[in-house]
Amino acid sequence: MNEEVQNSEHCRKSHHPEHVKKDLTNRLNRIEGQIRGIKGMVERDEYCDDIITQLAATQSALNSVAKVLLQGHLRGCVVDRLAEGDEEVLDELLVTIQKLMRK
């Protein structure tokens, strides 16, 4: 890989509007609290089914964050890169979707 491509990949950033960043941050803060709660449940030897229920809720919340990010990525980054003639973004997108579907 040439240096220019490497620098380009290392410098890529998302450009989310402030309201989207705030929404994502709020969601992630709630998820962080859920994780701490689950850890406490394990430490208190709470009933396994109750812990699993909380894990499922947390996974659902993480999936919601991923959906918001994927939507922004498609409408922003992917569209922009395709407009610039960079079709490599499609391969990258397929890999990303495969990662999301490994559940």
PDB file of N, CA and C in Angstrom:
ATOM      1  N   MET A   1       0.850  -1.182   0.000  1.00  0.00           N
ATOM      2  CA  MET A   1       0.000   0.000   0.000  1.00  0.00           C
ATOM      3  C   MET A   1       0.889   1.237   0.000  1.00  0.00           C
ATOM      4  N   ASN A   2       0.597   2.182  -0.866  1.00  0.00           N
ATOM      5  CA  ASN A   2       1.463   3.348  -0.913  1.00  0.00           C
ATOM      6  C   ASN A   2       1.171   4.288   0.252  1.00  0.00           C
ATOM      7  N   GLU A   3       2.108   5.183   0.513  1.00  0.00           N
ATOM      8  CA  GLU A   3       2.027   6.068   1.681  1.00  0.00           C
ATOM      9  C   GLU A   3       0.808   6.980   1.645  1.00  0.00           C
ATOM     10  N   GLU A   4       0.471   7.489   0.445  1.00  0.00           N
ATOM     11  CA  GLU A   4      -0.669   8.396   0.329  1.00  0.00           C
ATOM     12  C   GLU A   4      -1.965   7.688   0.715  1.00  0.00           C
ATOM     13  N   VAL A   5      -2.147   6.440   0.281  1.00  0.00           N
ATOM     14  CA  VAL A   5      -3.345   5.680   0.625  1.00  0.00           C
ATOM     15  C   VAL A   5      -3.366   5.392   2.116  1.00  0.00           C
ATOM     16  N   GLN A   6      -2.219   5.013   2.688  1.00  0.00           N
ATOM     17  CA  GLN A   6      -2.154   4.748   4.123  1.00  0.00           C
ATOM     18  C   GLN A   6      -2.529   5.994   4.911  1.00  0.00           C
ATOM     19  N   ASN A   7      -1.988   7.137   4.551  1.00  0.00           N
ATOM     20  CA  ASN A   7      -2.302   8.373   5.260  1.00  0.00           C
ATOM     21  C   ASN A   7      -3.781   8.701   5.124  1.00  0.00           C
ATOM     22  N   SER A   8      -4.328   8.472   3.934  1.00  0.00           N
ATOM     23  CA  SER A   8      -5.746   8.735   3.704  1.00  0.00           C
ATOM     24  C   SER A   8      -6.599   7.866   4.623  1.00  0.00           C
ATOM     25  N   GLU A   9      -6.258   6.595   4.762  1.00  0.00           N
ATOM     26  CA  GLU A   9      -7.041   5.687   5.600  1.00  0.00           C
ATOM     27  C   GLU A   9      -6.924   6.048   7.071  1.00  0.00           C
ATOM     28  N   HIS A  10      -5.746   6.449   7.505  1.00  0.00           N
ATOM     29  CA  HIS A  10      -5.548   6.782   8.909  1.00  0.00           C
ATOM     30  C   HIS A  10      -6.199   8.111   9.282  1.00  0.00           C
ATOM     31  N   CYS A  11      -6.454   8.957   8.328  1.00  0.00           N
ATOM     32  CA  CYS A  11      -6.995  10.286   8.610  1.00  0.00           C
ATOM     33  C   CYS A  11      -8.503  10.370   8.393  1.00  0.00           C
ATOM     34  N   ARG A  12      -9.131   9.288   7.957  1.00  0.00           N
ATOM     35  CA  ARG A  12     -10.570   9.337   7.707  1.00  0.00           C
ATOM     36  C   ARG A  12     -11.307   9.547   9.016  1.00  0.00           C
ATOM     37  N   LYS A  13     -12.315  10.382   8.962  1.00  0.00           N
ATOM     38  CA  LYS A  13     -13.117  10.670  10.145  1.00  0.00           C
ATOM     39  C   LYS A  13     -14.575  10.755   9.730  1.00  0.00           C
ATOM     40  N   SER A  14     -15.431  10.492  10.705  1.00  0.00           N
ATOM     41  CA  SER A  14     -16.860  10.690  10.484  1.00  0.00           C
ATOM     42  C   SER A  14     -17.177  12.160  10.678  1.00  0.00           C
ATOM     43  N   HIS A  15     -18.213  12.586  10.027  1.00  0.00           N
ATOM     44  CA  HIS A  15     -18.653  13.969  10.155  1.00  0.00           C
ATOM     45  C   HIS A  15     -20.140  13.976  10.473  1.00  0.00           C
ATOM     46  N   HIS A  16     -20.446  13.620  11.721  1.00  0.00           N
ATOM     47  CA  HIS A  16     -21.839  13.567  12.153  1.00  0.00           C
ATOM     48  C   HIS A  16     -22.288  14.953  12.614  1.00  0.00           C
ATOM     49  N   PRO A  17     -23.520  15.308  12.285  1.00  0.00           N
ATOM     50  CA  PRO A  17     -24.058  16.563  12.838  1.00  0.00           C
ATOM     51  C   PRO A  17     -24.064  16.474  14.374  1.00  0.00           C
ATOM     52  N   GLU A  18     -24.020  17.617  15.014  1.00  0.00           N
ATOM     53  CA  GLU A  18     -23.957  17.652  16.478  1.00  0.00           C
ATOM     54  C   GLU A  18     -25.114  16.904  17.134  1.00  0.00           C
ATOM     55  N   HIS A  19     -26.332  17.037  16.584  1.00  0.00           N
ATOM     56  CA  HIS A  19     -27.471  16.348  17.204  1.00  0.00           C
ATOM     57  C   HIS A  19     -27.326  14.831  17.119  1.00  0.00           C
ATOM     58  N   VAL A  20     -26.699  14.331  16.060  1.00  0.00           N
ATOM     59  CA  VAL A  20     -26.473  12.886  15.931  1.00  0.00           C
ATOM     60  C   VAL A  20     -25.402  12.440  16.911  1.00  0.00           C
ATOM     61  N   LYS A  21     -24.332  13.228  17.028  1.00  0.00           N
ATOM     62  CA  LYS A  21     -23.279  12.885  17.998  1.00  0.00           C
ATOM     63  C   LYS A  21     -23.844  12.855  19.411  1.00  0.00           C
ATOM     64  N   LYS A  22     -24.684  13.830  19.731  1.00  0.00           N
ATOM     65  CA  LYS A  22     -25.279  13.885  21.067  1.00  0.00           C
ATOM     66  C   LYS A  22     -26.164  12.664  21.307  1.00  0.00           C
ATOM     67  N   ASP A  23     -26.975  12.306  20.302  1.00  0.00           N
ATOM     68  CA  ASP A  23     -27.836  11.131  20.414  1.00  0.00           C
ATOM     69  C   ASP A  23     -27.003   9.866  20.615  1.00  0.00           C
ATOM     70  N   LEU A  24     -25.952   9.695  19.819  1.00  0.00           N
ATOM     71  CA  LEU A  24     -25.090   8.516  19.945  1.00  0.00           C
ATOM     72  C   LEU A  24     -24.413   8.474  21.307  1.00  0.00           C
ATOM     73  N   THR A  25     -23.930   9.613  21.760  1.00  0.00           N
ATOM     74  CA  THR A  25     -23.277   9.678  23.067  1.00  0.00           C
ATOM     75  C   THR A  25     -24.253   9.318  24.179  1.00  0.00           C
ATOM     76  N   ASN A  26     -25.471   9.841  24.108  1.00  0.00           N
ATOM     77  CA  ASN A  26     -26.485   9.509  25.117  1.00  0.00           C
ATOM     78  C   ASN A  26     -26.799   8.019  25.114  1.00  0.00           C
ATOM     79  N   ARG A  27     -26.956   7.454  23.930  1.00  0.00           N
ATOM     80  CA  ARG A  27     -27.231   6.014  23.825  1.00  0.00           C
ATOM     81  C   ARG A  27     -26.091   5.203  24.422  1.00  0.00           C
ATOM     82  N   LEU A  28     -24.855   5.584  24.079  1.00  0.00           N
ATOM     83  CA  LEU A  28     -23.692   4.853  24.587  1.00  0.00           C
ATOM     84  C   LEU A  28     -23.539   5.008  26.095  1.00  0.00           C
ATOM     85  N   ASN A  29     -23.873   6.172  26.630  1.00  0.00           N
ATOM     86  CA  ASN A  29     -23.840   6.351  28.088  1.00  0.00           C
ATOM     87  C   ASN A  29     -24.842   5.429  28.773  1.00  0.00           C
ATOM     88  N   ARG A  30     -26.042   5.298  28.187  1.00  0.00           N
ATOM     89  CA  ARG A  30     -27.039   4.386  28.756  1.00  0.00           C
ATOM     90  C   ARG A  30     -26.546   2.942  28.700  1.00  0.00           C
ATOM     91  N   ILE A  31     -25.927   2.576  27.573  1.00  0.00           N
ATOM     92  CA  ILE A  31     -25.393   1.222  27.421  1.00  0.00           C
ATOM     93  C   ILE A  31     -24.302   0.969  28.454  1.00  0.00           C
ATOM     94  N   GLU A  32     -23.458   1.960  28.658  1.00  0.00           N
ATOM     95  CA  GLU A  32     -22.401   1.840  29.665  1.00  0.00           C
ATOM     96  C   GLU A  32     -23.013   1.580  31.042  1.00  0.00           C
ATOM     97  N   GLY A  33     -24.089   2.282  31.362  1.00  0.00           N
ATOM     98  CA  GLY A  33     -24.780   2.061  32.628  1.00  0.00           C
ATOM     99  C   GLY A  33     -25.383   0.669  32.697  1.00  0.00           C
ATOM    100  N   GLN A  34     -25.933   0.201  31.577  1.00  0.00           N
ATOM    101  CA  GLN A  34     -26.488  -1.148  31.545  1.00  0.00           C
ATOM    102  C   GLN A  34     -25.396  -2.181  31.812  1.00  0.00           C
ATOM    103  N   ILE A  35     -24.239  -1.989  31.219  1.00  0.00           N
ATOM    104  CA  ILE A  35     -23.123  -2.930  31.409  1.00  0.00           C
ATOM    105  C   ILE A  35     -22.694  -2.950  32.872  1.00  0.00           C
ATOM    106  N   ARG A  36     -22.592  -1.770  33.488  1.00  0.00           N
ATOM    107  CA  ARG A  36     -22.243  -1.719  34.907  1.00  0.00           C
ATOM    108  C   ARG A  36     -23.297  -2.442  35.748  1.00  0.00           C
ATOM    109  N   GLY A  37     -24.573  -2.254  35.365  1.00  0.00           N
ATOM    110  CA  GLY A  37     -25.653  -2.933  36.077  1.00  0.00           C
ATOM    111  C   GLY A  37     -25.550  -4.444  35.948  1.00  0.00           C
ATOM    112  N   ILE A  38     -25.226  -4.923  34.761  1.00  0.00           N
ATOM    113  CA  ILE A  38     -25.072  -6.365  34.538  1.00  0.00           C
ATOM    114  C   ILE A  38     -23.905  -6.902  35.356  1.00  0.00           C
ATOM    115  N   LYS A  39     -22.822  -6.160  35.372  1.00  0.00           N
ATOM    116  CA  LYS A  39     -21.667  -6.581  36.178  1.00  0.00           C
ATOM    117  C   LYS A  39     -22.073  -6.714  37.645  1.00  0.00           C
ATOM    118  N   GLY A  40     -22.837  -5.749  38.139  1.00  0.00           N
ATOM    119  CA  GLY A  40     -23.317  -5.819  39.524  1.00  0.00           C
ATOM    120  C   GLY A  40     -24.209  -7.026  39.751  1.00  0.00           C
ATOM    121  N   MET A  41     -25.046  -7.341  38.780  1.00  0.00           N
ATOM    122  CA  MET A  41     -25.913  -8.513  38.887  1.00  0.00           C
ATOM    123  C   MET A  41     -25.088  -9.788  39.019  1.00  0.00           C
ATOM    124  N   VAL A  42     -24.029  -9.887  38.224  1.00  0.00           N
ATOM    125  CA  VAL A  42     -23.146 -11.066  38.290  1.00  0.00           C
ATOM    126  C   VAL A  42     -22.485 -11.129  39.662  1.00  0.00           C
ATOM    127  N   GLU A  43     -21.974  -9.986  40.126  1.00  0.00           N
ATOM    128  CA  GLU A  43     -21.307  -9.941  41.428  1.00  0.00           C
ATOM    129  C   GLU A  43     -22.249 -10.310  42.567  1.00  0.00           C
ATOM    130  N   ARG A  44     -23.546 -10.002  42.428  1.00  0.00           N
ATOM    131  CA  ARG A  44     -24.545 -10.305  43.465  1.00  0.00           C
ATOM    132  C   ARG A  44     -25.178 -11.683  43.281  1.00  0.00           C
ATOM    133  N   ASP A  45     -24.652 -12.436  42.312  1.00  0.00           N
ATOM    134  CA  ASP A  45     -25.169 -13.787  42.032  1.00  0.00           C
ATOM    135  C   ASP A  45     -26.661 -13.790  41.730  1.00  0.00           C
ATOM    136  N   GLU A  46     -27.109 -12.810  40.965  1.00  0.00           N
ATOM    137  CA  GLU A  46     -28.522 -12.768  40.602  1.00  0.00           C
ATOM    138  C   GLU A  46     -28.842 -13.888  39.625  1.00  0.00           C
ATOM    139  N   TYR A  47     -30.108 -14.153  39.481  1.00  0.00           N
ATOM    140  CA  TYR A  47     -30.611 -15.248  38.674  1.00  0.00           C
ATOM    141  C   TYR A  47     -30.155 -15.098  37.221  1.00  0.00           C
ATOM    142  N   CYS A  48     -29.639 -16.178  36.664  1.00  0.00           N
ATOM    143  CA  CYS A  48     -29.053 -16.159  35.314  1.00  0.00           C
ATOM    144  C   CYS A  48     -30.016 -15.621  34.261  1.00  0.00           C
ATOM    145  N   ASP A  49     -31.273 -16.038  34.326  1.00  0.00           N
ATOM    146  CA  ASP A  49     -32.238 -15.593  33.331  1.00  0.00           C
ATOM    147  C   ASP A  49     -32.416 -14.078  33.361  1.00  0.00           C
ATOM    148  N   ASP A  50     -32.377 -13.499  34.555  1.00  0.00           N
ATOM    149  CA  ASP A  50     -32.493 -12.039  34.669  1.00  0.00           C
ATOM    150  C   ASP A  50     -31.288 -11.342  34.037  1.00  0.00           C
ATOM    151  N   ILE A  51     -30.111 -11.923  34.231  1.00  0.00           N
ATOM    152  CA  ILE A  51     -28.889 -11.361  33.643  1.00  0.00           C
ATOM    153  C   ILE A  51     -28.950 -11.464  32.119  1.00  0.00           C
ATOM    154  N   ILE A  52     -29.398 -12.612  31.626  1.00  0.00           N
ATOM    155  CA  ILE A  52     -29.498 -12.822  30.183  1.00  0.00           C
ATOM    156  C   ILE A  52     -30.490 -11.836  29.572  1.00  0.00           C
ATOM    157  N   THR A  53     -31.578 -11.571  30.266  1.00  0.00           N
ATOM    158  CA  THR A  53     -32.558 -10.594  29.791  1.00  0.00           C
ATOM    159  C   THR A  53     -31.915  -9.220  29.656  1.00  0.00           C
ATOM    160  N   GLN A  54     -31.119  -8.832  30.642  1.00  0.00           N
ATOM    161  CA  GLN A  54     -30.432  -7.539  30.579  1.00  0.00           C
ATOM    162  C   GLN A  54     -29.376  -7.514  29.475  1.00  0.00           C
ATOM    163  N   LEU A  55     -28.702  -8.647  29.268  1.00  0.00           N
ATOM    164  CA  LEU A  55     -27.735  -8.731  28.169  1.00  0.00           C
ATOM    165  C   LEU A  55     -28.431  -8.557  26.823  1.00  0.00           C
ATOM    166  N   ALA A  56     -29.597  -9.166  26.658  1.00  0.00           N
ATOM    167  CA  ALA A  56     -30.350  -9.041  25.409  1.00  0.00           C
ATOM    168  C   ALA A  56     -30.769  -7.587  25.179  1.00  0.00           C
ATOM    169  N   ALA A  57     -31.196  -6.916  26.242  1.00  0.00           N
ATOM    170  CA  ALA A  57     -31.588  -5.508  26.120  1.00  0.00           C
ATOM    171  C   ALA A  57     -30.387  -4.645  25.730  1.00  0.00           C
ATOM    172  N   THR A  58     -29.247  -4.951  26.311  1.00  0.00           N
ATOM    173  CA  THR A  58     -28.027  -4.199  26.003  1.00  0.00           C
ATOM    174  C   THR A  58     -27.593  -4.444  24.564  1.00  0.00           C
ATOM    175  N   GLN A  59     -27.681  -5.692  24.117  1.00  0.00           N
ATOM    176  CA  GLN A  59     -27.328  -6.014  22.734  1.00  0.00           C
ATOM    177  C   GLN A  59     -28.245  -5.278  21.765  1.00  0.00           C
ATOM    178  N   SER A  60     -29.514  -5.206  22.096  1.00  0.00           N
ATOM    179  CA  SER A  60     -30.469  -4.479  21.261  1.00  0.00           C
ATOM    180  C   SER A  60     -30.104  -2.998  21.193  1.00  0.00           C
ATOM    181  N   ALA A  61     -29.715  -2.437  22.317  1.00  0.00           N
ATOM    182  CA  ALA A  61     -29.303  -1.024  22.347  1.00  0.00           C
ATOM    183  C   ALA A  61     -28.052  -0.806  21.503  1.00  0.00           C
ATOM    184  N   LEU A  62     -27.105  -1.727  21.569  1.00  0.00           N
ATOM    185  CA  LEU A  62     -25.898  -1.627  20.734  1.00  0.00           C
ATOM    186  C   LEU A  62     -26.258  -1.724  19.253  1.00  0.00           C
ATOM    187  N   ASN A  63     -27.191  -2.614  18.923  1.00  0.00           N
ATOM    188  CA  ASN A  63     -27.632  -2.739  17.535  1.00  0.00           C
ATOM    189  C   ASN A  63     -28.257  -1.437  17.048  1.00  0.00           C
ATOM    190  N   SER A  64     -28.979  -0.754  17.914  1.00  0.00           N
ATOM    191  CA  SER A  64     -29.583   0.523  17.535  1.00  0.00           C
ATOM    192  C   SER A  64     -28.511   1.564  17.226  1.00  0.00           C
ATOM    193  N   VAL A  65     -27.452   1.580  18.011  1.00  0.00           N
ATOM    194  CA  VAL A  65     -26.337   2.499  17.753  1.00  0.00           C
ATOM    195  C   VAL A  65     -25.706   2.159  16.402  1.00  0.00           C
ATOM    196  N   ALA A  66     -25.506   0.871  16.152  1.00  0.00           N
ATOM    197  CA  ALA A  66     -24.906   0.445  14.885  1.00  0.00           C
ATOM    198  C   ALA A  66     -25.771   0.865  13.703  1.00  0.00           C
ATOM    199  N   LYS A  67     -27.099   0.765  13.841  1.00  0.00           N
ATOM    200  CA  LYS A  67     -28.001   1.164  12.760  1.00  0.00           C
ATOM    201  C   LYS A  67     -27.881   2.652  12.460  1.00  0.00           C
ATOM    202  N   VAL A  68     -27.814   3.472  13.497  1.00  0.00           N
ATOM    203  CA  VAL A  68     -27.675   4.918  13.301  1.00  0.00           C
ATOM    204  C   VAL A  68     -26.357   5.220  12.592  1.00  0.00           C
ATOM    205  N   LEU A  69     -25.291   4.578  13.046  1.00  0.00           N
ATOM    206  CA  LEU A  69     -23.980   4.802  12.425  1.00  0.00           C
ATOM    207  C   LEU A  69     -23.955   4.317  10.980  1.00  0.00           C
ATOM    208  N   LEU A  70     -24.537   3.153  10.718  1.00  0.00           N
ATOM    209  CA  LEU A  70     -24.551   2.615   9.365  1.00  0.00           C
ATOM    210  C   LEU A  70     -25.349   3.523   8.431  1.00  0.00           C
ATOM    211  N   GLN A  71     -26.468   4.008   8.905  1.00  0.00           N
ATOM    212  CA  GLN A  71     -27.292   4.912   8.093  1.00  0.00           C
ATOM    213  C   GLN A  71     -26.504   6.178   7.729  1.00  0.00           C
ATOM    214  N   GLY A  72     -25.832   6.760   8.718  1.00  0.00           N
ATOM    215  CA  GLY A  72     -25.022   7.949   8.452  1.00  0.00           C
ATOM    216  C   GLY A  72     -23.874   7.649   7.512  1.00  0.00           C
ATOM    217  N   HIS A  73     -23.276   6.476   7.684  1.00  0.00           N
ATOM    218  CA  HIS A  73     -22.160   6.078   6.834  1.00  0.00           C
ATOM    219  C   HIS A  73     -22.617   5.948   5.382  1.00  0.00           C
ATOM    220  N   LEU A  74     -23.773   5.304   5.181  1.00  0.00           N
ATOM    221  CA  LEU A  74     -24.293   5.122   3.826  1.00  0.00           C
ATOM    222  C   LEU A  74     -24.644   6.450   3.172  1.00  0.00           C
ATOM    223  N   ARG A  75     -25.338   7.292   3.921  1.00  0.00           N
ATOM    224  CA  ARG A  75     -25.805   8.564   3.356  1.00  0.00           C
ATOM    225  C   ARG A  75     -24.704   9.601   3.209  1.00  0.00           C
ATOM    226  N   GLY A  76     -23.640   9.442   3.965  1.00  0.00           N
ATOM    227  CA  GLY A  76     -22.555  10.417   3.934  1.00  0.00           C
ATOM    228  C   GLY A  76     -21.309   9.873   3.263  1.00  0.00           C
ATOM    229  N   CYS A  77     -20.560   9.113   4.012  1.00  0.00           N
ATOM    230  CA  CYS A  77     -19.249   8.638   3.557  1.00  0.00           C
ATOM    231  C   CYS A  77     -19.324   7.837   2.259  1.00  0.00           C
ATOM    232  N   VAL A  78     -20.233   6.863   2.210  1.00  0.00           N
ATOM    233  CA  VAL A  78     -20.308   5.989   1.035  1.00  0.00           C
ATOM    234  C   VAL A  78     -20.733   6.785  -0.192  1.00  0.00           C
ATOM    235  N   VAL A  79     -21.772   7.595  -0.073  1.00  0.00           N
ATOM    236  CA  VAL A  79     -22.240   8.403  -1.205  1.00  0.00           C
ATOM    237  C   VAL A  79     -21.124   9.340  -1.684  1.00  0.00           C
ATOM    238  N   ASP A  80     -20.442   9.980  -0.743  1.00  0.00           N
ATOM    239  CA  ASP A  80     -19.362  10.907  -1.112  1.00  0.00           C
ATOM    240  C   ASP A  80     -18.236  10.190  -1.840  1.00  0.00           C
ATOM    241  N   ARG A  81     -17.834   9.043  -1.317  1.00  0.00           N
ATOM    242  CA  ARG A  81     -16.723   8.323  -1.942  1.00  0.00           C
ATOM    243  C   ARG A  81     -17.110   7.782  -3.316  1.00  0.00           C
ATOM    244  N   LEU A  82     -18.354   7.333  -3.460  1.00  0.00           N
ATOM    245  CA  LEU A  82     -18.802   6.875  -4.777  1.00  0.00           C
ATOM    246  C   LEU A  82     -18.826   8.035  -5.767  1.00  0.00           C
ATOM    247  N   ALA A  83     -19.261   9.197  -5.312  1.00  0.00           N
ATOM    248  CA  ALA A  83     -19.296  10.388  -6.178  1.00  0.00           C
ATOM    249  C   ALA A  83     -17.890  10.774  -6.636  1.00  0.00           C
ATOM    250  N   GLU A  84     -16.892  10.453  -5.805  1.00  0.00           N
ATOM    251  CA  GLU A  84     -15.497  10.727  -6.160  1.00  0.00           C
ATOM    252  C   GLU A  84     -14.912   9.620  -7.033  1.00  0.00           C
ATOM    253  N   GLY A  85     -15.714   8.589  -7.330  1.00  0.00           N
ATOM    254  CA  GLY A  85     -15.237   7.481  -8.162  1.00  0.00           C
ATOM    255  C   GLY A  85     -14.547   6.385  -7.379  1.00  0.00           C
ATOM    256  N   ASP A  86     -14.613   6.424  -6.072  1.00  0.00           N
ATOM    257  CA  ASP A  86     -13.949   5.431  -5.225  1.00  0.00           C
ATOM    258  C   ASP A  86     -14.904   4.264  -4.962  1.00  0.00           C
ATOM    259  N   GLU A  87     -14.855   3.271  -5.850  1.00  0.00           N
ATOM    260  CA  GLU A  87     -15.746   2.120  -5.704  1.00  0.00           C
ATOM    261  C   GLU A  87     -15.243   1.114  -4.675  1.00  0.00           C
ATOM    262  N   GLU A  88     -14.024   1.293  -4.189  1.00  0.00           N
ATOM    263  CA  GLU A  88     -13.481   0.418  -3.146  1.00  0.00           C
ATOM    264  C   GLU A  88     -14.337   0.490  -1.883  1.00  0.00           C
ATOM    265  N   VAL A  89     -15.055   1.602  -1.707  1.00  0.00           N
ATOM    266  CA  VAL A  89     -15.908   1.782  -0.541  1.00  0.00           C
ATOM    267  C   VAL A  89     -16.989   0.702  -0.488  1.00  0.00           C
ATOM    268  N   LEU A  90     -17.386   0.166  -1.630  1.00  0.00           N
ATOM    269  CA  LEU A  90     -18.404  -0.891  -1.652  1.00  0.00           C
ATOM    270  C   LEU A  90     -17.882  -2.168  -1.013  1.00  0.00           C
ATOM    271  N   ASP A  91     -16.625  -2.526  -1.315  1.00  0.00           N
ATOM    272  CA  ASP A  91     -16.021  -3.707  -0.680  1.00  0.00           C
ATOM    273  C   ASP A  91     -15.908  -3.499   0.823  1.00  0.00           C
ATOM    274  N   GLU A  92     -15.500  -2.297   1.207  1.00  0.00           N
ATOM    275  CA  GLU A  92     -15.391  -1.955   2.628  1.00  0.00           C
ATOM    276  C   GLU A  92     -16.757  -2.074   3.309  1.00  0.00           C
ATOM    277  N   LEU A  93     -17.784  -1.595   2.650  1.00  0.00           N
ATOM    278  CA  LEU A  93     -19.132  -1.647   3.192  1.00  0.00           C
ATOM    279  C   LEU A  93     -19.605  -3.082   3.368  1.00  0.00           C
ATOM    280  N   LEU A  94     -19.318  -3.937   2.401  1.00  0.00           N
ATOM    281  CA  LEU A  94     -19.710  -5.342   2.514  1.00  0.00           C
ATOM    282  C   LEU A  94     -19.036  -6.011   3.710  1.00  0.00           C
ATOM    283  N   VAL A  95     -17.780  -5.719   3.938  1.00  0.00           N
ATOM    284  CA  VAL A  95     -17.062  -6.267   5.095  1.00  0.00           C
ATOM    285  C   VAL A  95     -17.708  -5.766   6.390  1.00  0.00           C
ATOM    286  N   THR A  96     -18.045  -4.486   6.410  1.00  0.00           N
ATOM    287  CA  THR A  96     -18.679  -3.905   7.590  1.00  0.00           C
ATOM    288  C   THR A  96     -20.017  -4.577   7.873  1.00  0.00           C
ATOM    289  N   ILE A  97     -20.810  -4.788   6.849  1.00  0.00           N
ATOM    290  CA  ILE A  97     -22.111  -5.442   7.036  1.00  0.00           C
ATOM    291  C   ILE A  97     -21.921  -6.877   7.511  1.00  0.00           C
ATOM    292  N   GLN A  98     -20.929  -7.571   6.977  1.00  0.00           N
ATOM    293  CA  GLN A  98     -20.648  -8.933   7.437  1.00  0.00           C
ATOM    294  C   GLN A  98     -20.291  -8.948   8.923  1.00  0.00           C
ATOM    295  N   LYS A  99     -19.525  -7.965   9.356  1.00  0.00           N
ATOM    296  CA  LYS A  99     -19.175  -7.861  10.788  1.00  0.00           C
ATOM    297  C   LYS A  99     -20.420  -7.673  11.634  1.00  0.00           C
ATOM    298  N   LEU A 100     -21.334  -6.839  11.179  1.00  0.00           N
ATOM    299  CA  LEU A 100     -22.565  -6.589  11.918  1.00  0.00           C
ATOM    300  C   LEU A 100     -23.464  -7.819  11.986  1.00  0.00           C
ATOM    301  N   MET A 101     -23.388  -8.660  10.974  1.00  0.00           N
ATOM    302  CA  MET A 101     -24.277  -9.817  10.902  1.00  0.00           C
ATOM    303  C   MET A 101     -23.710 -11.065  11.572  1.00  0.00           C
ATOM    304  N   ARG A 102     -22.550 -10.983  12.195  1.00  0.00           N
ATOM    305  CA  ARG A 102     -21.922 -12.138  12.850  1.00  0.00           C
ATOM    306  C   ARG A 102     -22.512 -12.454  14.210  1.00  0.00           C
ATOM    307  N   LYS A 103     -23.732 -12.135  14.436  1.00  0.00           N
ATOM    308  CA  LYS A 103     -24.295 -12.299  15.772  1.00  0.00           C
ATOM    309  C   LYS A 103     -25.110 -13.549  15.873  1.00  0.00           C
TER     310      LYS A 103
END
